[in-house]
Structures are given as C-alpha cells and as structure tokens.
Amino acid sequence: MSAKIIPTPAARLDLDRIFSYFVAKNRPHVAAQFNDAFEETLAFIADFPEMGVPLDSKKKRLAGMRIKPIRRFKKYLIYYRVQTDGVYIMRIFHGHQDIESLL
C-alpha cells in the first residue's frame, strides 16, 4: 500500500521556483519533462519510502530526513521525512546548493 504524499508549503515554493527557472530560460518543454519525472519519483517514494538515502547530518532538526534524486534530473533532490500519517516532502533542491543551510 502506498504512503500518502504530503508536500509542505516550502516544497511547493521550491517546485514553483524550479519551473519558473526552466520557463525563464525559454525551456517550457524541460519544465514539463521535469514535472513528469518529479511525479514518477513521488510515486516511487510513496511505494518505497524507506529507500531514500538517510541525510548524514549532525543537526538534530534534520534527524530522520531522507533524500531521493529525481528521475532523469539526478541533480535535483527531494528531501522528505517518513511519518506515521504519510511522507512529508520537505524541500526540493539542486544538488549544488548549500543544502544544510537551506533546510
């Protein structure tokens, strides 16, 4: 049985920022491909939430966070937490960003 996916407001803003970037670069077709890949990755996370790599951090507030690269867009990473009521999508970042300072 698939887990419920629960995006946080911050994750929704991250997604909007990523789409806006692709559109601003005059690449709406890439934005559409990214959306498809993102949805596929969310479906995988819903089916196998424990498959994401645990985030290696000494910060307590990041305990339990997992990471899953987006299919076909491996430099974009989904940060999420598995809870009893579902999988919380916390943030979506490009891997070159200073992630720990953003989380």
C-alpha atoms as a PDB file:
ATOM      1  CA  MET A   1       0.000   0.000   0.000  1.00  0.00           C
ATOM      2  CA  SER A   2       1.364   3.386  -0.975  1.00  0.00           C
ATOM      3  CA  ALA A   3       2.085   6.011   1.638  1.00  0.00           C
ATOM      4  CA  LYS A   4       0.288   9.339   1.468  1.00  0.00           C
ATOM      5  CA  ILE A   5       2.484  12.089  -0.004  1.00  0.00           C
ATOM      6  CA  ILE A   6       2.191  15.400   1.858  1.00  0.00           C
ATOM      7  CA  PRO A   7       4.087  18.334   0.304  1.00  0.00           C
ATOM      8  CA  THR A   8       4.983  21.177   2.662  1.00  0.00           C
ATOM      9  CA  PRO A   9       4.452  24.811   1.633  1.00  0.00           C
ATOM     10  CA  ALA A  10       8.242  25.204   1.317  1.00  0.00           C
ATOM     11  CA  ALA A  11       8.403  22.248  -1.097  1.00  0.00           C
ATOM     12  CA  ARG A  12       5.613  23.757  -3.203  1.00  0.00           C
ATOM     13  CA  LEU A  13       7.564  27.024  -3.394  1.00  0.00           C
ATOM     14  CA  ASP A  14      10.708  25.114  -4.386  1.00  0.00           C
ATOM     15  CA  LEU A  15       8.785  23.430  -7.204  1.00  0.00           C
ATOM     16  CA  ASP A  16       7.413  26.780  -8.407  1.00  0.00           C
ATOM     17  CA  ARG A  17      10.949  28.206  -8.363  1.00  0.00           C
ATOM     18  CA  ILE A  18      12.304  25.305 -10.424  1.00  0.00           C
ATOM     19  CA  PHE A  19       9.503  25.540 -13.008  1.00  0.00           C
ATOM     20  CA  SER A  20       9.962  29.308 -13.236  1.00  0.00           C
ATOM     21  CA  TYR A  21      13.675  28.812 -13.843  1.00  0.00           C
ATOM     22  CA  PHE A  22      13.061  26.460 -16.784  1.00  0.00           C
ATOM     23  CA  VAL A  23      10.403  28.756 -18.266  1.00  0.00           C
ATOM     24  CA  ALA A  24      12.622  31.844 -17.823  1.00  0.00           C
ATOM     25  CA  LYS A  25      15.352  30.012 -19.764  1.00  0.00           C
ATOM     26  CA  ASN A  26      12.770  29.536 -22.545  1.00  0.00           C
ATOM     27  CA  ARG A  27      12.631  25.792 -21.892  1.00  0.00           C
ATOM     28  CA  PRO A  28       8.969  25.022 -21.096  1.00  0.00           C
ATOM     29  CA  HIS A  29       9.402  21.530 -22.561  1.00  0.00           C
ATOM     30  CA  VAL A  30      12.066  20.842 -19.910  1.00  0.00           C
ATOM     31  CA  ALA A  31       9.676  22.092 -17.216  1.00  0.00           C
ATOM     32  CA  ALA A  32       7.083  19.585 -18.468  1.00  0.00           C
ATOM     33  CA  GLN A  33       9.658  16.769 -18.504  1.00  0.00           C
ATOM     34  CA  PHE A  34      10.764  17.745 -15.004  1.00  0.00           C
ATOM     35  CA  ASN A  35       7.156  17.634 -13.790  1.00  0.00           C
ATOM     36  CA  ASP A  36       6.687  14.113 -15.210  1.00  0.00           C
ATOM     37  CA  ALA A  37       9.948  12.919 -13.639  1.00  0.00           C
ATOM     38  CA  PHE A  38       9.021  14.530 -10.311  1.00  0.00           C
ATOM     39  CA  GLU A  39       5.629  12.785 -10.270  1.00  0.00           C
ATOM     40  CA  GLU A  40       7.270   9.429 -11.103  1.00  0.00           C
ATOM     41  CA  THR A  41       9.752   9.911  -8.276  1.00  0.00           C
ATOM     42  CA  LEU A  42       6.961  10.797  -5.833  1.00  0.00           C
ATOM     43  CA  ALA A  43       5.127   7.604  -6.815  1.00  0.00           C
ATOM     44  CA  PHE A  44       8.306   5.621  -6.121  1.00  0.00           C
ATOM     45  CA  ILE A  45       8.720   7.320  -2.733  1.00  0.00           C
ATOM     46  CA  ALA A  46       5.084   6.570  -1.877  1.00  0.00           C
ATOM     47  CA  ASP A  47       5.633   2.879  -2.656  1.00  0.00           C
ATOM     48  CA  PHE A  48       9.106   2.586  -1.099  1.00  0.00           C
ATOM     49  CA  PRO A  49       9.555   5.428   1.415  1.00  0.00           C
ATOM     50  CA  GLU A  50      12.473   3.805   3.227  1.00  0.00           C
ATOM     51  CA  MET A  51      14.539   3.528   0.015  1.00  0.00           C
ATOM     52  CA  GLY A  52      15.705   7.135   0.159  1.00  0.00           C
ATOM     53  CA  VAL A  53      19.210   7.727   1.456  1.00  0.00           C
ATOM     54  CA  PRO A  54      19.239   8.996   5.063  1.00  0.00           C
ATOM     55  CA  LEU A  55      20.662  12.508   5.308  1.00  0.00           C
ATOM     56  CA  ASP A  56      24.013  12.431   7.085  1.00  0.00           C
ATOM     57  CA  SER A  57      23.914  15.430   9.396  1.00  0.00           C
ATOM     58  CA  LYS A  58      24.812  16.164  12.986  1.00  0.00           C
ATOM     59  CA  LYS A  59      21.958  18.684  13.236  1.00  0.00           C
ATOM     60  CA  LYS A  60      19.096  17.331  15.364  1.00  0.00           C
ATOM     61  CA  ARG A  61      16.469  19.166  13.354  1.00  0.00           C
ATOM     62  CA  LEU A  62      17.497  17.144  10.288  1.00  0.00           C
ATOM     63  CA  ALA A  63      17.161  13.756  12.001  1.00  0.00           C
ATOM     64  CA  GLY A  64      15.068  11.317  10.012  1.00  0.00           C
ATOM     65  CA  MET A  65      15.396  13.249   6.762  1.00  0.00           C
ATOM     66  CA  ARG A  66      15.830  11.169   3.592  1.00  0.00           C
ATOM     67  CA  ILE A  67      16.962  12.112   0.085  1.00  0.00           C
ATOM     68  CA  LYS A  68      15.848  10.818  -3.300  1.00  0.00           C
ATOM     69  CA  PRO A  69      17.161  12.134  -6.650  1.00  0.00           C
ATOM     70  CA  ILE A  70      14.502  12.961  -9.223  1.00  0.00           C
ATOM     71  CA  ARG A  71      14.421  10.503 -12.119  1.00  0.00           C
ATOM     72  CA  ARG A  72      16.193  11.832 -15.216  1.00  0.00           C
ATOM     73  CA  PHE A  73      17.071  15.019 -13.250  1.00  0.00           C
ATOM     74  CA  LYS A  74      19.538  13.437 -10.818  1.00  0.00           C
ATOM     75  CA  LYS A  75      20.995  16.777  -9.707  1.00  0.00           C
ATOM     76  CA  TYR A  76      17.611  17.716  -8.238  1.00  0.00           C
ATOM     77  CA  LEU A  77      16.966  16.112  -4.871  1.00  0.00           C
ATOM     78  CA  ILE A  78      13.778  15.556  -2.889  1.00  0.00           C
ATOM     79  CA  TYR A  79      14.198  15.856   0.884  1.00  0.00           C
ATOM     80  CA  TYR A  80      11.499  14.085   2.851  1.00  0.00           C
ATOM     81  CA  ARG A  81      10.510  12.564   6.181  1.00  0.00           C
ATOM     82  CA  VAL A  82       8.554   9.373   6.740  1.00  0.00           C
ATOM     83  CA  GLN A  83       5.902   9.778   9.457  1.00  0.00           C
ATOM     84  CA  THR A  84       3.085   7.512  10.587  1.00  0.00           C
ATOM     85  CA  ASP A  85       0.479   9.572   8.698  1.00  0.00           C
ATOM     86  CA  GLY A  86       2.439   9.833   5.440  1.00  0.00           C
ATOM     87  CA  VAL A  87       5.579  11.020   3.704  1.00  0.00           C
ATOM     88  CA  TYR A  88       6.258  14.724   4.120  1.00  0.00           C
ATOM     89  CA  ILE A  89       8.045  16.293   1.173  1.00  0.00           C
ATOM     90  CA  MET A  90      10.126  18.918   2.944  1.00  0.00           C
ATOM     91  CA  ARG A  91      12.158  20.568   0.153  1.00  0.00           C
ATOM     92  CA  ILE A  92      13.359  20.138  -3.427  1.00  0.00           C
ATOM     93  CA  PHE A  93      16.846  21.461  -4.205  1.00  0.00           C
ATOM     94  CA  HIS A  94      19.514  21.348  -6.863  1.00  0.00           C
ATOM     95  CA  GLY A  95      22.449  19.372  -5.502  1.00  0.00           C
ATOM     96  CA  HIS A  96      24.908  22.251  -5.933  1.00  0.00           C
ATOM     97  CA  GLN A  97      23.115  24.383  -3.363  1.00  0.00           C
ATOM     98  CA  ASP A  98      24.286  24.631   0.265  1.00  0.00           C
ATOM     99  CA  ILE A  99      21.534  22.308   1.403  1.00  0.00           C
ATOM    100  CA  GLU A 100      22.170  22.121   5.136  1.00  0.00           C
ATOM    101  CA  SER A 101      21.935  25.888   5.445  1.00  0.00           C
ATOM    102  CA  LEU A 102      18.651  25.855   3.496  1.00  0.00           C
ATOM    103  CA  LEU A 103      16.937  23.055   5.431  1.00  0.00           C
END
